Amino acid sequence: MKLLERIQEFRKFVYNSGLARATLALPAPAILALPSPSASDIELDLVFDRVVDEIEITSVSRDLFDSGHYNIAVHEAFKAVDRYIQAKVSEHHLSGTALMDQVFSPNEPRLVWTRRKTRSEKDQQMGYHRLFSGAMLGIRNPTGHEFAWIDGPEEALECIVFAQHLLKKAKLAVQAN
């Protein structure tokens, strides 16, 4: 068993046994002090473990989510999507909405999922172009520029799962001809 897997199992044990409540409630500087996790927070942590499985997402957002830094966790998840796409198309001078507009453009895309011959294939390209671009504009950017844009665990988990969906879709995309 790998060390990371053993650590994850230990973390689940800590949450399930109730030790997390006491551990996370240790005294901290006022700026870092977080309330003890509730039963619903612990349940969301377990849902996170069951649903979010892409290493690019978990490695940057899991600890932040666990410690209640929801806004930053979401921001980092979408930055991971952005970085993955930059690397896939070797496009390091663009990021965010500009990158997504260029890479997934319905007219001259660099990454595609189909040959874009049928109406449905064209619609898929256009739809995911809008989803990728919109996610950077409507989720990544506000979480990077505003404090507590996302301040609850439910909304954060929804956004992180959406980031993971986009990442999985990006992994399936191939270079356009």
N, C-alpha and C. Protein backbone atom coordinates (compact mmCIF):
# COMPACT_ATOMS: atom_id res chain seq x y z
N MET A 1 0.85 -1.18 0.00
CA MET A 1 0.00 0.00 0.00
C MET A 1 0.89 1.24 0.00
N LYS A 2 0.60 2.16 -0.87
CA LYS A 2 1.40 3.38 -0.97
C LYS A 2 1.17 4.27 0.24
N LEU A 3 2.16 5.07 0.52
CA LEU A 3 2.09 5.97 1.67
C LEU A 3 0.89 6.91 1.57
N LEU A 4 0.65 7.47 0.39
CA LEU A 4 -0.48 8.40 0.23
C LEU A 4 -1.80 7.71 0.54
N GLU A 5 -1.97 6.47 0.09
CA GLU A 5 -3.20 5.74 0.37
C GLU A 5 -3.35 5.49 1.87
N ARG A 6 -2.24 5.18 2.55
CA ARG A 6 -2.29 4.95 3.99
C ARG A 6 -2.66 6.24 4.72
N ILE A 7 -2.14 7.35 4.26
CA ILE A 7 -2.47 8.64 4.87
C ILE A 7 -3.95 8.95 4.66
N GLN A 8 -4.47 8.69 3.46
CA GLN A 8 -5.88 8.94 3.18
C GLN A 8 -6.77 8.07 4.05
N GLU A 9 -6.40 6.80 4.23
CA GLU A 9 -7.18 5.93 5.10
C GLU A 9 -7.14 6.43 6.54
N PHE A 10 -5.99 6.90 7.00
CA PHE A 10 -5.88 7.43 8.35
C PHE A 10 -6.77 8.67 8.49
N ARG A 11 -6.76 9.55 7.47
CA ARG A 11 -7.60 10.75 7.52
C ARG A 11 -9.07 10.36 7.63
N LYS A 12 -9.52 9.35 6.88
CA LYS A 12 -10.91 8.89 6.96
C LYS A 12 -11.22 8.36 8.36
N PHE A 13 -10.26 7.60 8.93
CA PHE A 13 -10.44 7.08 10.28
C PHE A 13 -10.61 8.23 11.27
N VAL A 14 -9.77 9.27 11.13
CA VAL A 14 -9.84 10.42 12.04
C VAL A 14 -11.21 11.08 11.94
N TYR A 15 -11.73 11.26 10.72
CA TYR A 15 -13.05 11.87 10.56
C TYR A 15 -14.16 10.98 11.11
N ASN A 16 -14.11 9.70 10.77
CA ASN A 16 -15.16 8.78 11.19
C ASN A 16 -15.19 8.59 12.70
N SER A 17 -14.05 8.65 13.34
CA SER A 17 -14.00 8.41 14.78
C SER A 17 -14.32 9.66 15.60
N GLY A 18 -14.40 10.81 14.94
CA GLY A 18 -14.69 12.04 15.65
C GLY A 18 -13.46 12.77 16.15
N LEU A 19 -12.29 12.22 15.91
CA LEU A 19 -11.06 12.88 16.36
C LEU A 19 -10.81 14.18 15.60
N ALA A 20 -11.32 14.29 14.39
CA ALA A 20 -11.09 15.49 13.59
C ALA A 20 -11.64 16.72 14.27
N ARG A 21 -12.79 16.57 14.92
CA ARG A 21 -13.41 17.71 15.58
C ARG A 21 -12.47 18.31 16.61
N ALA A 22 -11.84 17.47 17.41
CA ALA A 22 -10.93 17.96 18.45
C ALA A 22 -9.63 18.46 17.83
N THR A 23 -9.13 17.77 16.81
CA THR A 23 -7.86 18.14 16.18
C THR A 23 -7.96 19.47 15.46
N LEU A 24 -9.03 19.68 14.70
CA LEU A 24 -9.16 20.91 13.94
C LEU A 24 -9.54 22.10 14.81
N ALA A 25 -9.95 21.84 16.05
CA ALA A 25 -10.34 22.92 16.94
C ALA A 25 -9.19 23.41 17.81
N LEU A 26 -7.96 22.98 17.51
CA LEU A 26 -6.81 23.45 18.28
C LEU A 26 -6.68 24.97 18.17
N PRO A 27 -6.16 25.62 19.20
CA PRO A 27 -6.00 27.07 19.12
C PRO A 27 -5.12 27.46 17.94
N ALA A 28 -5.49 28.54 17.28
CA ALA A 28 -4.75 29.04 16.12
C ALA A 28 -4.85 30.55 16.12
N PRO A 29 -3.96 31.20 15.39
CA PRO A 29 -4.11 32.65 15.25
C PRO A 29 -5.51 32.98 14.75
N ALA A 30 -6.03 34.11 15.14
CA ALA A 30 -7.41 34.47 14.81
C ALA A 30 -7.70 34.36 13.32
N ILE A 31 -6.77 34.71 12.48
CA ILE A 31 -7.02 34.67 11.04
C ILE A 31 -7.17 33.24 10.52
N LEU A 32 -6.56 32.27 11.24
CA LEU A 32 -6.61 30.88 10.80
C LEU A 32 -7.65 30.05 11.54
N ALA A 33 -8.24 30.59 12.57
CA ALA A 33 -9.17 29.82 13.39
C ALA A 33 -10.41 29.47 12.58
N LEU A 34 -10.75 28.20 12.61
CA LEU A 34 -11.93 27.70 11.92
C LEU A 34 -12.81 26.98 12.92
N PRO A 35 -14.12 27.00 12.69
CA PRO A 35 -14.99 26.26 13.60
C PRO A 35 -14.76 24.76 13.46
N SER A 36 -15.12 24.04 14.50
CA SER A 36 -15.02 22.58 14.44
C SER A 36 -15.94 22.08 13.34
N PRO A 37 -15.52 21.02 12.64
CA PRO A 37 -16.37 20.52 11.56
C PRO A 37 -17.66 19.91 12.10
N SER A 38 -18.76 20.16 11.41
CA SER A 38 -20.03 19.57 11.79
C SER A 38 -20.15 18.19 11.15
N ALA A 39 -21.20 17.47 11.51
CA ALA A 39 -21.43 16.15 10.92
C ALA A 39 -21.61 16.27 9.41
N SER A 40 -22.29 17.33 8.96
CA SER A 40 -22.47 17.49 7.51
C SER A 40 -21.15 17.82 6.82
N ASP A 41 -20.27 18.56 7.48
CA ASP A 41 -18.94 18.83 6.91
C ASP A 41 -18.16 17.54 6.76
N ILE A 42 -18.23 16.69 7.77
CA ILE A 42 -17.53 15.42 7.72
C ILE A 42 -18.10 14.56 6.60
N GLU A 43 -19.42 14.57 6.45
CA GLU A 43 -20.05 13.81 5.36
C GLU A 43 -19.58 14.34 4.00
N LEU A 44 -19.48 15.65 3.86
CA LEU A 44 -18.99 16.22 2.60
C LEU A 44 -17.54 15.83 2.34
N ASP A 45 -16.74 15.74 3.39
CA ASP A 45 -15.36 15.28 3.23
C ASP A 45 -15.33 13.86 2.69
N LEU A 46 -16.22 13.03 3.20
CA LEU A 46 -16.28 11.65 2.71
C LEU A 46 -16.78 11.60 1.26
N VAL A 47 -17.74 12.46 0.93
CA VAL A 47 -18.20 12.54 -0.46
C VAL A 47 -17.05 13.00 -1.35
N PHE A 48 -16.29 13.96 -0.89
CA PHE A 48 -15.12 14.42 -1.65
C PHE A 48 -14.22 13.23 -1.97
N ASP A 49 -13.95 12.42 -0.96
CA ASP A 49 -13.08 11.25 -1.15
C ASP A 49 -13.64 10.27 -2.17
N ARG A 50 -14.96 10.10 -2.17
CA ARG A 50 -15.58 9.13 -3.09
C ARG A 50 -15.68 9.66 -4.50
N VAL A 51 -15.83 10.97 -4.66
CA VAL A 51 -16.14 11.53 -5.98
C VAL A 51 -14.92 12.15 -6.68
N VAL A 52 -14.11 12.86 -5.96
CA VAL A 52 -12.99 13.56 -6.57
C VAL A 52 -11.77 12.64 -6.57
N ASP A 53 -11.36 12.23 -7.77
CA ASP A 53 -10.29 11.24 -7.85
C ASP A 53 -9.15 11.63 -8.80
N GLU A 54 -9.24 12.75 -9.45
CA GLU A 54 -8.17 13.18 -10.35
C GLU A 54 -7.05 13.83 -9.52
N ILE A 55 -5.86 13.28 -9.64
CA ILE A 55 -4.73 13.74 -8.81
C ILE A 55 -4.43 15.22 -9.00
N GLU A 56 -4.63 15.71 -10.21
CA GLU A 56 -4.37 17.14 -10.46
C GLU A 56 -5.30 18.02 -9.61
N ILE A 57 -6.50 17.53 -9.34
CA ILE A 57 -7.47 18.29 -8.54
C ILE A 57 -7.24 18.03 -7.05
N THR A 58 -7.14 16.77 -6.66
CA THR A 58 -7.00 16.46 -5.23
C THR A 58 -5.72 17.03 -4.65
N SER A 59 -4.64 17.01 -5.42
CA SER A 59 -3.36 17.47 -4.88
C SER A 59 -3.35 18.96 -4.54
N VAL A 60 -4.20 19.73 -5.18
CA VAL A 60 -4.20 21.18 -4.93
C VAL A 60 -5.39 21.66 -4.11
N SER A 61 -6.44 20.85 -4.01
CA SER A 61 -7.64 21.35 -3.34
C SER A 61 -8.06 20.57 -2.10
N ARG A 62 -7.61 19.35 -1.95
CA ARG A 62 -8.10 18.49 -0.86
C ARG A 62 -7.81 19.09 0.52
N ASP A 63 -6.59 19.42 0.78
CA ASP A 63 -6.24 19.95 2.11
C ASP A 63 -6.92 21.29 2.39
N LEU A 64 -7.03 22.11 1.36
CA LEU A 64 -7.72 23.40 1.53
C LEU A 64 -9.19 23.19 1.85
N PHE A 65 -9.82 22.26 1.14
CA PHE A 65 -11.23 21.94 1.40
C PHE A 65 -11.39 21.42 2.83
N ASP A 66 -10.53 20.49 3.23
CA ASP A 66 -10.59 19.92 4.58
C ASP A 66 -10.49 20.98 5.66
N SER A 67 -9.66 21.98 5.43
CA SER A 67 -9.45 22.99 6.46
C SER A 67 -10.40 24.18 6.35
N GLY A 68 -11.39 24.08 5.47
CA GLY A 68 -12.41 25.12 5.39
C GLY A 68 -12.07 26.30 4.51
N HIS A 69 -11.01 26.21 3.76
CA HIS A 69 -10.63 27.29 2.83
C HIS A 69 -11.27 27.00 1.48
N TYR A 70 -12.59 27.10 1.43
CA TYR A 70 -13.36 26.66 0.27
C TYR A 70 -13.08 27.49 -0.97
N ASN A 71 -13.03 28.78 -0.82
CA ASN A 71 -12.78 29.66 -1.97
C ASN A 71 -11.44 29.33 -2.63
N ILE A 72 -10.41 29.18 -1.82
CA ILE A 72 -9.08 28.89 -2.35
C ILE A 72 -9.05 27.48 -2.96
N ALA A 73 -9.74 26.53 -2.33
CA ALA A 73 -9.78 25.16 -2.86
C ALA A 73 -10.38 25.14 -4.26
N VAL A 74 -11.45 25.89 -4.45
CA VAL A 74 -12.09 25.95 -5.77
C VAL A 74 -11.17 26.64 -6.77
N HIS A 75 -10.58 27.74 -6.35
CA HIS A 75 -9.67 28.47 -7.24
C HIS A 75 -8.52 27.57 -7.70
N GLU A 76 -7.94 26.84 -6.78
CA GLU A 76 -6.82 25.96 -7.12
C GLU A 76 -7.25 24.82 -8.04
N ALA A 77 -8.46 24.31 -7.86
CA ALA A 77 -8.96 23.24 -8.74
C ALA A 77 -9.08 23.74 -10.18
N PHE A 78 -9.59 24.96 -10.35
CA PHE A 78 -9.73 25.49 -11.71
C PHE A 78 -8.38 25.91 -12.29
N LYS A 79 -7.46 26.35 -11.43
CA LYS A 79 -6.10 26.61 -11.92
C LYS A 79 -5.45 25.31 -12.42
N ALA A 80 -5.75 24.21 -11.77
CA ALA A 80 -5.21 22.91 -12.20
C ALA A 80 -5.74 22.55 -13.59
N VAL A 81 -7.01 22.82 -13.84
CA VAL A 81 -7.58 22.58 -15.17
C VAL A 81 -6.87 23.46 -16.19
N ASP A 82 -6.70 24.71 -15.85
CA ASP A 82 -6.03 25.66 -16.74
C ASP A 82 -4.60 25.20 -17.06
N ARG A 83 -3.86 24.81 -16.04
CA ARG A 83 -2.47 24.36 -16.24
C ARG A 83 -2.41 23.10 -17.09
N TYR A 84 -3.35 22.18 -16.88
CA TYR A 84 -3.36 20.95 -17.67
C TYR A 84 -3.54 21.28 -19.15
N ILE A 85 -4.48 22.15 -19.45
CA ILE A 85 -4.75 22.50 -20.85
C ILE A 85 -3.58 23.28 -21.44
N GLN A 86 -2.98 24.18 -20.67
CA GLN A 86 -1.78 24.88 -21.15
C GLN A 86 -0.71 23.88 -21.57
N ALA A 87 -0.47 22.90 -20.73
CA ALA A 87 0.58 21.91 -21.01
C ALA A 87 0.20 21.03 -22.21
N LYS A 88 -1.07 20.70 -22.32
CA LYS A 88 -1.50 19.81 -23.41
C LYS A 88 -1.33 20.46 -24.78
N VAL A 89 -1.49 21.77 -24.84
CA VAL A 89 -1.36 22.47 -26.13
C VAL A 89 -0.11 23.33 -26.20
N SER A 90 0.76 23.21 -25.21
CA SER A 90 2.01 24.00 -25.16
C SER A 90 1.74 25.48 -25.35
N GLU A 91 0.81 25.98 -24.57
CA GLU A 91 0.36 27.37 -24.69
C GLU A 91 0.54 28.06 -23.35
N HIS A 92 1.77 28.44 -23.02
CA HIS A 92 2.03 29.00 -21.70
C HIS A 92 1.87 30.51 -21.62
N HIS A 93 1.64 31.17 -22.73
CA HIS A 93 1.47 32.62 -22.66
C HIS A 93 0.00 33.01 -22.49
N LEU A 94 -0.91 32.06 -22.63
CA LEU A 94 -2.33 32.32 -22.41
C LEU A 94 -2.81 31.54 -21.21
N SER A 95 -3.87 32.04 -20.58
CA SER A 95 -4.51 31.29 -19.50
C SER A 95 -5.96 31.74 -19.40
N GLY A 96 -6.70 31.03 -18.58
CA GLY A 96 -8.08 31.41 -18.31
C GLY A 96 -8.97 31.44 -19.53
N THR A 97 -9.83 32.43 -19.57
CA THR A 97 -10.83 32.53 -20.64
C THR A 97 -10.18 32.64 -22.01
N ALA A 98 -9.12 33.41 -22.14
CA ALA A 98 -8.44 33.55 -23.45
C ALA A 98 -7.92 32.21 -23.94
N LEU A 99 -7.34 31.42 -23.05
CA LEU A 99 -6.84 30.10 -23.42
C LEU A 99 -7.99 29.20 -23.86
N MET A 100 -9.06 29.16 -23.09
CA MET A 100 -10.20 28.30 -23.42
C MET A 100 -10.85 28.71 -24.72
N ASP A 101 -10.95 30.03 -24.96
CA ASP A 101 -11.53 30.50 -26.22
C ASP A 101 -10.71 30.04 -27.41
N GLN A 102 -9.40 30.06 -27.27
CA GLN A 102 -8.54 29.63 -28.37
C GLN A 102 -8.54 28.11 -28.54
N VAL A 103 -8.38 27.40 -27.46
CA VAL A 103 -8.20 25.95 -27.53
C VAL A 103 -9.49 25.22 -27.93
N PHE A 104 -10.63 25.67 -27.44
CA PHE A 104 -11.88 24.97 -27.70
C PHE A 104 -12.81 25.70 -28.66
N SER A 105 -12.30 26.69 -29.37
CA SER A 105 -13.10 27.46 -30.32
C SER A 105 -13.94 26.54 -31.21
N PRO A 106 -15.21 26.86 -31.40
CA PRO A 106 -16.03 26.02 -32.28
C PRO A 106 -15.58 26.09 -33.75
N ASN A 107 -14.96 27.18 -34.14
CA ASN A 107 -14.58 27.35 -35.55
C ASN A 107 -13.19 26.79 -35.88
N GLU A 108 -12.21 27.10 -35.06
CA GLU A 108 -10.84 26.62 -35.31
C GLU A 108 -10.22 26.11 -34.00
N PRO A 109 -10.76 25.02 -33.46
CA PRO A 109 -10.26 24.53 -32.17
C PRO A 109 -8.89 23.87 -32.30
N ARG A 110 -8.19 23.86 -31.20
CA ARG A 110 -6.93 23.11 -31.13
C ARG A 110 -7.15 21.75 -30.50
N LEU A 111 -8.18 21.64 -29.65
CA LEU A 111 -8.55 20.37 -29.05
C LEU A 111 -10.01 20.05 -29.37
N VAL A 112 -10.27 18.80 -29.73
CA VAL A 112 -11.62 18.37 -30.10
C VAL A 112 -11.90 16.99 -29.51
N TRP A 113 -13.18 16.62 -29.52
CA TRP A 113 -13.59 15.29 -29.07
C TRP A 113 -14.13 14.46 -30.23
N THR A 114 -14.56 15.13 -31.28
CA THR A 114 -15.15 14.44 -32.43
C THR A 114 -14.63 15.09 -33.72
N ARG A 115 -15.10 14.58 -34.85
CA ARG A 115 -14.71 15.16 -36.14
C ARG A 115 -15.52 16.43 -36.45
N ARG A 116 -16.53 16.73 -35.65
CA ARG A 116 -17.39 17.92 -35.81
C ARG A 116 -18.08 17.95 -37.17
N LYS A 117 -18.62 16.80 -37.58
CA LYS A 117 -19.33 16.71 -38.86
C LYS A 117 -20.84 16.84 -38.67
N THR A 118 -21.38 16.19 -37.65
CA THR A 118 -22.83 16.24 -37.45
C THR A 118 -23.20 17.45 -36.58
N ARG A 119 -24.46 17.75 -36.56
CA ARG A 119 -24.95 18.86 -35.73
C ARG A 119 -24.60 18.61 -34.25
N SER A 120 -24.80 17.38 -33.80
CA SER A 120 -24.51 17.05 -32.40
C SER A 120 -23.03 17.20 -32.09
N GLU A 121 -22.17 16.79 -33.00
CA GLU A 121 -20.73 16.93 -32.78
C GLU A 121 -20.32 18.40 -32.73
N LYS A 122 -20.90 19.20 -33.59
CA LYS A 122 -20.62 20.64 -33.57
C LYS A 122 -21.15 21.28 -32.29
N ASP A 123 -22.35 20.85 -31.89
CA ASP A 123 -22.94 21.38 -30.67
C ASP A 123 -22.09 21.04 -29.44
N GLN A 124 -21.55 19.83 -29.42
CA GLN A 124 -20.69 19.43 -28.30
C GLN A 124 -19.48 20.35 -28.22
N GLN A 125 -18.84 20.61 -29.34
CA GLN A 125 -17.66 21.48 -29.33
C GLN A 125 -18.04 22.88 -28.84
N MET A 126 -19.14 23.41 -29.36
CA MET A 126 -19.57 24.75 -28.97
C MET A 126 -19.97 24.79 -27.49
N GLY A 127 -20.67 23.75 -27.04
CA GLY A 127 -21.11 23.72 -25.65
C GLY A 127 -19.94 23.64 -24.68
N TYR A 128 -18.99 22.74 -24.96
CA TYR A 128 -17.86 22.63 -24.04
C TYR A 128 -16.94 23.84 -24.14
N HIS A 129 -16.88 24.46 -25.30
CA HIS A 129 -16.14 25.72 -25.40
C HIS A 129 -16.72 26.72 -24.40
N ARG A 130 -18.03 26.82 -24.38
CA ARG A 130 -18.69 27.75 -23.46
C ARG A 130 -18.52 27.34 -22.00
N LEU A 131 -18.57 26.04 -21.73
CA LEU A 131 -18.39 25.58 -20.35
C LEU A 131 -16.98 25.87 -19.84
N PHE A 132 -15.97 25.54 -20.65
CA PHE A 132 -14.59 25.81 -20.23
C PHE A 132 -14.36 27.31 -20.06
N SER A 133 -14.75 28.06 -21.05
CA SER A 133 -14.55 29.51 -21.03
C SER A 133 -15.34 30.14 -19.87
N GLY A 134 -16.59 29.74 -19.74
CA GLY A 134 -17.44 30.28 -18.68
C GLY A 134 -16.94 29.93 -17.29
N ALA A 135 -16.40 28.73 -17.13
CA ALA A 135 -15.88 28.32 -15.82
C ALA A 135 -14.71 29.20 -15.41
N MET A 136 -13.86 29.53 -16.36
CA MET A 136 -12.72 30.39 -16.04
C MET A 136 -13.19 31.81 -15.70
N LEU A 137 -14.15 32.29 -16.46
CA LEU A 137 -14.66 33.65 -16.26
C LEU A 137 -15.55 33.75 -15.02
N GLY A 138 -16.42 32.77 -14.82
CA GLY A 138 -17.42 32.87 -13.76
C GLY A 138 -17.08 32.21 -12.44
N ILE A 139 -16.06 31.34 -12.45
CA ILE A 139 -15.69 30.66 -11.20
C ILE A 139 -14.24 30.95 -10.83
N ARG A 140 -13.32 30.63 -11.74
CA ARG A 140 -11.89 30.81 -11.39
C ARG A 140 -11.56 32.27 -11.11
N ASN A 141 -11.97 33.17 -11.98
CA ASN A 141 -11.62 34.58 -11.79
C ASN A 141 -12.18 35.18 -10.50
N PRO A 142 -13.48 35.02 -10.21
CA PRO A 142 -13.99 35.59 -8.95
C PRO A 142 -13.33 34.99 -7.70
N THR A 143 -13.04 33.69 -7.73
CA THR A 143 -12.42 33.10 -6.55
C THR A 143 -10.99 33.57 -6.37
N GLY A 144 -10.37 34.06 -7.43
CA GLY A 144 -9.01 34.59 -7.34
C GLY A 144 -8.97 36.05 -6.94
N HIS A 145 -10.06 36.76 -7.18
CA HIS A 145 -10.06 38.20 -6.92
C HIS A 145 -10.89 38.61 -5.70
N GLU A 146 -11.73 37.74 -5.21
CA GLU A 146 -12.62 38.08 -4.10
C GLU A 146 -12.38 37.13 -2.93
N PHE A 147 -12.46 37.66 -1.72
CA PHE A 147 -12.38 36.81 -0.53
C PHE A 147 -13.73 36.17 -0.31
N ALA A 148 -13.73 34.90 0.01
CA ALA A 148 -14.95 34.17 0.37
C ALA A 148 -16.04 34.26 -0.68
N TRP A 149 -15.65 34.29 -1.96
CA TRP A 149 -16.65 34.25 -3.04
C TRP A 149 -17.48 32.98 -2.89
N ILE A 150 -16.79 31.92 -2.57
CA ILE A 150 -17.44 30.64 -2.23
C ILE A 150 -17.07 30.36 -0.79
N ASP A 151 -18.08 30.38 0.10
CA ASP A 151 -17.75 30.27 1.52
C ASP A 151 -18.38 29.07 2.21
N GLY A 152 -19.00 28.18 1.44
CA GLY A 152 -19.60 27.01 2.05
C GLY A 152 -19.11 25.72 1.42
N PRO A 153 -19.12 24.65 2.18
CA PRO A 153 -18.60 23.38 1.67
C PRO A 153 -19.41 22.78 0.53
N GLU A 154 -20.74 22.93 0.55
CA GLU A 154 -21.56 22.34 -0.50
C GLU A 154 -21.25 22.96 -1.85
N GLU A 155 -21.26 24.29 -1.90
CA GLU A 155 -20.98 24.98 -3.17
C GLU A 155 -19.54 24.71 -3.63
N ALA A 156 -18.62 24.67 -2.69
CA ALA A 156 -17.23 24.38 -3.04
C ALA A 156 -17.10 22.99 -3.65
N LEU A 157 -17.74 22.01 -3.04
CA LEU A 157 -17.67 20.65 -3.56
C LEU A 157 -18.29 20.57 -4.96
N GLU A 158 -19.42 21.24 -5.16
CA GLU A 158 -20.04 21.26 -6.48
C GLU A 158 -19.08 21.83 -7.53
N CYS A 159 -18.42 22.92 -7.19
CA CYS A 159 -17.48 23.54 -8.13
C CYS A 159 -16.26 22.66 -8.38
N ILE A 160 -15.76 22.02 -7.35
CA ILE A 160 -14.59 21.14 -7.51
C ILE A 160 -14.94 19.94 -8.38
N VAL A 161 -16.13 19.40 -8.19
CA VAL A 161 -16.57 18.28 -9.04
C VAL A 161 -16.71 18.75 -10.49
N PHE A 162 -17.20 19.96 -10.69
CA PHE A 162 -17.30 20.51 -12.03
C PHE A 162 -15.91 20.69 -12.65
N ALA A 163 -14.96 21.18 -11.86
CA ALA A 163 -13.58 21.31 -12.35
C ALA A 163 -13.04 19.95 -12.75
N GLN A 164 -13.33 18.94 -11.94
CA GLN A 164 -12.86 17.60 -12.28
C GLN A 164 -13.50 17.11 -13.58
N HIS A 165 -14.79 17.38 -13.78
CA HIS A 165 -15.44 16.99 -15.03
C HIS A 165 -14.74 17.64 -16.22
N LEU A 166 -14.44 18.92 -16.10
CA LEU A 166 -13.75 19.61 -17.19
C LEU A 166 -12.36 19.02 -17.41
N LEU A 167 -11.67 18.69 -16.36
CA LEU A 167 -10.34 18.09 -16.49
C LEU A 167 -10.43 16.74 -17.21
N LYS A 168 -11.39 15.92 -16.81
CA LYS A 168 -11.56 14.62 -17.47
C LYS A 168 -11.90 14.80 -18.95
N LYS A 169 -12.72 15.77 -19.26
CA LYS A 169 -13.06 16.06 -20.65
C LYS A 169 -11.82 16.52 -21.41
N ALA A 170 -11.01 17.35 -20.79
CA ALA A 170 -9.77 17.82 -21.44
C ALA A 170 -8.83 16.66 -21.70
N LYS A 171 -8.79 15.71 -20.80
CA LYS A 171 -7.92 14.54 -21.01
C LYS A 171 -8.38 13.69 -22.18
N LEU A 172 -9.66 13.69 -22.46
CA LEU A 172 -10.21 12.92 -23.58
C LEU A 172 -10.04 13.65 -24.93
N ALA A 173 -9.81 14.95 -24.89
CA ALA A 173 -9.69 15.73 -26.12
C ALA A 173 -8.41 15.38 -26.86
N VAL A 174 -8.47 15.49 -28.17
CA VAL A 174 -7.30 15.23 -29.02
C VAL A 174 -7.01 16.46 -29.86
N GLN A 175 -5.79 16.52 -30.38
CA GLN A 175 -5.40 17.64 -31.23
C GLN A 175 -6.26 17.67 -32.49
N ALA A 176 -6.74 18.83 -32.85
CA ALA A 176 -7.55 18.97 -34.07
C ALA A 176 -6.61 18.86 -35.29
N ASN A 177 -7.16 18.39 -36.37
CA ASN A 177 -6.35 18.25 -37.60
C ASN A 177 -6.21 19.56 -38.33
